[in-house]
N, C-alpha and C. Protein backbone atom coordinates (compact mmCIF):
# COMPACT_ATOMS: atom_id res chain seq x y z
N UNK A 1 71.63 -40.86 73.82
CA UNK A 1 72.17 -39.53 73.94
C UNK A 1 71.02 -38.55 73.82
N UNK A 2 71.06 -37.52 74.62
CA UNK A 2 70.03 -36.49 74.63
C UNK A 2 70.72 -35.15 74.47
N UNK A 3 70.13 -34.26 73.70
CA UNK A 3 70.65 -32.90 73.59
C UNK A 3 69.84 -32.01 74.51
N UNK A 4 70.51 -31.29 75.38
CA UNK A 4 69.83 -30.42 76.34
C UNK A 4 70.24 -28.98 76.09
N UNK A 5 69.35 -28.08 76.47
CA UNK A 5 69.68 -26.66 76.48
C UNK A 5 70.16 -26.32 77.88
N UNK A 6 70.84 -25.21 78.06
CA UNK A 6 71.34 -24.86 79.40
C UNK A 6 70.25 -24.82 80.46
N UNK A 7 69.04 -24.41 80.11
CA UNK A 7 67.96 -24.34 81.10
C UNK A 7 67.62 -25.72 81.64
N UNK A 8 67.86 -26.76 80.84
CA UNK A 8 67.57 -28.12 81.30
C UNK A 8 68.73 -28.70 82.09
N UNK A 9 69.91 -28.12 81.98
CA UNK A 9 71.08 -28.62 82.67
C UNK A 9 71.13 -28.11 84.10
N UNK A 10 71.98 -28.69 84.89
CA UNK A 10 72.16 -28.29 86.27
C UNK A 10 73.17 -27.16 86.32
N UNK A 11 72.72 -25.95 86.62
CA UNK A 11 73.63 -24.81 86.63
C UNK A 11 74.67 -24.92 87.74
N UNK A 12 74.44 -25.80 88.72
CA UNK A 12 75.37 -25.98 89.82
C UNK A 12 76.41 -27.06 89.53
N UNK A 13 76.36 -27.66 88.35
CA UNK A 13 77.29 -28.73 88.01
C UNK A 13 78.72 -28.21 88.00
N UNK A 14 79.64 -29.08 88.37
CA UNK A 14 81.06 -28.77 88.31
C UNK A 14 81.57 -29.29 86.98
N UNK A 15 81.99 -28.39 86.12
CA UNK A 15 82.46 -28.74 84.78
C UNK A 15 83.96 -28.95 84.81
N UNK A 16 84.42 -30.02 84.17
CA UNK A 16 85.84 -30.37 84.13
C UNK A 16 86.28 -30.39 82.67
N UNK A 17 87.35 -29.66 82.38
CA UNK A 17 87.87 -29.61 81.02
C UNK A 17 88.69 -30.86 80.73
N UNK A 18 88.58 -31.34 79.53
CA UNK A 18 89.33 -32.52 79.11
C UNK A 18 90.82 -32.28 79.26
N UNK A 19 91.55 -33.28 79.72
CA UNK A 19 93.01 -33.16 79.85
C UNK A 19 93.68 -33.12 78.48
N UNK A 20 92.95 -33.50 77.44
CA UNK A 20 93.49 -33.46 76.08
C UNK A 20 93.23 -32.13 75.38
N UNK A 21 92.49 -31.23 76.03
CA UNK A 21 92.22 -29.92 75.45
C UNK A 21 93.49 -29.09 75.48
N UNK A 22 93.63 -28.25 74.49
CA UNK A 22 94.83 -27.40 74.45
C UNK A 22 94.73 -26.31 75.51
N UNK A 23 95.88 -25.83 75.93
CA UNK A 23 95.92 -24.75 76.91
C UNK A 23 96.08 -23.39 76.24
N UNK A 24 96.21 -23.38 74.92
CA UNK A 24 96.39 -22.14 74.18
C UNK A 24 95.07 -21.50 73.83
N UNK A 25 95.10 -20.65 72.82
CA UNK A 25 93.91 -19.93 72.39
C UNK A 25 93.15 -20.64 71.27
N UNK A 26 93.53 -21.87 70.97
CA UNK A 26 92.87 -22.58 69.89
C UNK A 26 91.40 -22.82 70.19
N UNK A 27 91.07 -23.04 71.44
CA UNK A 27 89.68 -23.17 71.84
C UNK A 27 89.04 -24.51 71.57
N UNK A 28 89.84 -25.54 71.27
CA UNK A 28 89.25 -26.86 71.00
C UNK A 28 89.13 -27.62 72.32
N UNK A 29 88.12 -27.25 73.10
CA UNK A 29 87.97 -27.81 74.45
C UNK A 29 86.60 -28.43 74.64
N UNK A 30 86.60 -29.52 75.37
CA UNK A 30 85.38 -30.20 75.75
C UNK A 30 85.35 -30.25 77.27
N UNK A 31 84.18 -30.04 77.84
CA UNK A 31 84.03 -30.12 79.29
C UNK A 31 82.93 -31.14 79.61
N UNK A 32 83.09 -31.79 80.75
CA UNK A 32 82.09 -32.76 81.21
C UNK A 32 81.68 -32.43 82.64
N UNK A 33 80.46 -32.83 82.99
CA UNK A 33 79.96 -32.63 84.35
C UNK A 33 79.07 -33.82 84.70
N UNK A 34 79.13 -34.21 85.95
CA UNK A 34 78.26 -35.30 86.43
C UNK A 34 76.94 -34.70 86.90
N UNK A 35 75.86 -35.31 86.48
CA UNK A 35 74.52 -34.95 86.94
C UNK A 35 73.87 -36.26 87.39
N UNK A 36 72.75 -36.22 88.07
CA UNK A 36 72.12 -37.47 88.52
C UNK A 36 71.86 -38.42 87.35
N UNK A 37 72.49 -39.59 87.39
CA UNK A 37 72.34 -40.64 86.39
C UNK A 37 72.74 -40.23 84.98
N UNK A 38 73.47 -39.14 84.83
CA UNK A 38 73.80 -38.59 83.52
C UNK A 38 75.19 -37.95 83.55
N UNK A 39 75.86 -37.99 82.41
CA UNK A 39 77.10 -37.24 82.22
C UNK A 39 76.82 -36.21 81.14
N UNK A 40 77.05 -34.94 81.45
CA UNK A 40 76.82 -33.85 80.51
C UNK A 40 78.12 -33.49 79.81
N UNK A 41 78.04 -33.14 78.53
CA UNK A 41 79.20 -32.76 77.74
C UNK A 41 78.85 -31.48 77.00
N UNK A 42 79.78 -30.51 77.00
CA UNK A 42 79.55 -29.25 76.29
C UNK A 42 80.84 -28.74 75.68
N UNK A 43 80.69 -27.82 74.77
CA UNK A 43 81.81 -27.11 74.15
C UNK A 43 82.17 -25.94 75.05
N UNK A 44 83.39 -25.88 75.53
CA UNK A 44 83.77 -24.83 76.47
C UNK A 44 83.76 -23.44 75.83
N UNK A 45 83.78 -23.37 74.50
CA UNK A 45 83.71 -22.08 73.82
C UNK A 45 82.28 -21.54 73.81
N UNK A 46 81.30 -22.40 74.08
CA UNK A 46 79.90 -22.02 74.03
C UNK A 46 79.19 -22.58 75.25
N UNK A 47 79.55 -22.09 76.42
CA UNK A 47 79.04 -22.64 77.67
C UNK A 47 77.53 -22.50 77.83
N UNK A 48 76.93 -21.55 77.17
CA UNK A 48 75.47 -21.37 77.26
C UNK A 48 74.74 -22.10 76.14
N UNK A 49 75.49 -22.74 75.27
CA UNK A 49 74.90 -23.46 74.15
C UNK A 49 74.40 -24.82 74.56
N UNK A 50 73.98 -25.60 73.59
CA UNK A 50 73.46 -26.94 73.90
C UNK A 50 74.53 -27.85 74.48
N UNK A 51 74.07 -28.85 75.18
CA UNK A 51 74.98 -29.85 75.73
C UNK A 51 74.40 -31.22 75.45
N UNK A 52 75.25 -32.20 75.47
CA UNK A 52 74.82 -33.58 75.28
C UNK A 52 74.73 -34.26 76.65
N UNK A 53 73.77 -35.14 76.79
CA UNK A 53 73.60 -35.90 78.03
C UNK A 53 73.67 -37.38 77.70
N UNK A 54 74.55 -38.09 78.38
CA UNK A 54 74.74 -39.52 78.17
C UNK A 54 74.38 -40.26 79.45
N UNK A 55 73.76 -41.43 79.30
CA UNK A 55 73.56 -42.28 80.46
C UNK A 55 74.93 -42.69 80.98
N UNK A 56 75.04 -42.91 82.28
CA UNK A 56 76.33 -43.24 82.89
C UNK A 56 76.99 -44.45 82.22
N UNK A 57 76.21 -45.48 81.93
CA UNK A 57 76.77 -46.69 81.32
C UNK A 57 77.32 -46.40 79.92
N UNK A 58 76.58 -45.63 79.13
CA UNK A 58 77.05 -45.28 77.78
C UNK A 58 78.34 -44.47 77.85
N UNK A 59 78.44 -43.56 78.80
CA UNK A 59 79.66 -42.76 78.94
C UNK A 59 80.83 -43.64 79.36
N UNK A 60 80.60 -44.54 80.29
CA UNK A 60 81.66 -45.44 80.75
C UNK A 60 82.17 -46.30 79.59
N UNK A 61 81.25 -46.82 78.79
CA UNK A 61 81.65 -47.63 77.64
C UNK A 61 82.43 -46.81 76.62
N UNK A 62 82.00 -45.58 76.39
CA UNK A 62 82.71 -44.70 75.46
C UNK A 62 84.13 -44.41 75.96
N UNK A 63 84.27 -44.07 77.24
CA UNK A 63 85.61 -43.73 77.74
C UNK A 63 86.54 -44.94 77.72
N UNK A 64 86.01 -46.14 77.99
CA UNK A 64 86.85 -47.34 77.90
C UNK A 64 87.28 -47.56 76.46
N UNK A 65 86.38 -47.38 75.51
CA UNK A 65 86.71 -47.54 74.10
C UNK A 65 87.74 -46.51 73.67
N UNK A 66 87.56 -45.26 74.07
CA UNK A 66 88.49 -44.20 73.69
C UNK A 66 89.88 -44.42 74.28
N UNK A 67 89.94 -44.97 75.48
CA UNK A 67 91.23 -45.21 76.13
C UNK A 67 92.02 -46.32 75.43
N UNK A 68 91.33 -47.21 74.73
CA UNK A 68 92.01 -48.28 74.01
C UNK A 68 92.78 -47.77 72.81
N UNK A 69 92.31 -46.67 72.21
CA UNK A 69 92.90 -46.18 70.97
C UNK A 69 94.03 -45.32 71.19
């Protein structure tokens, strides 16, 4: 896992909000975007803040694990 600043991220990335995020004003939202060989994750309340970068394989393993629970 790598922590990136917005300047290191792809500003043209298409960010997708988690389907588990609330639609209200609670603000507990996570967004993901695909970048070359990487999946970026950020807090939608702080879009200009830091983001996490995961290798594609690590992200795939995480999502499979999360789907089991």
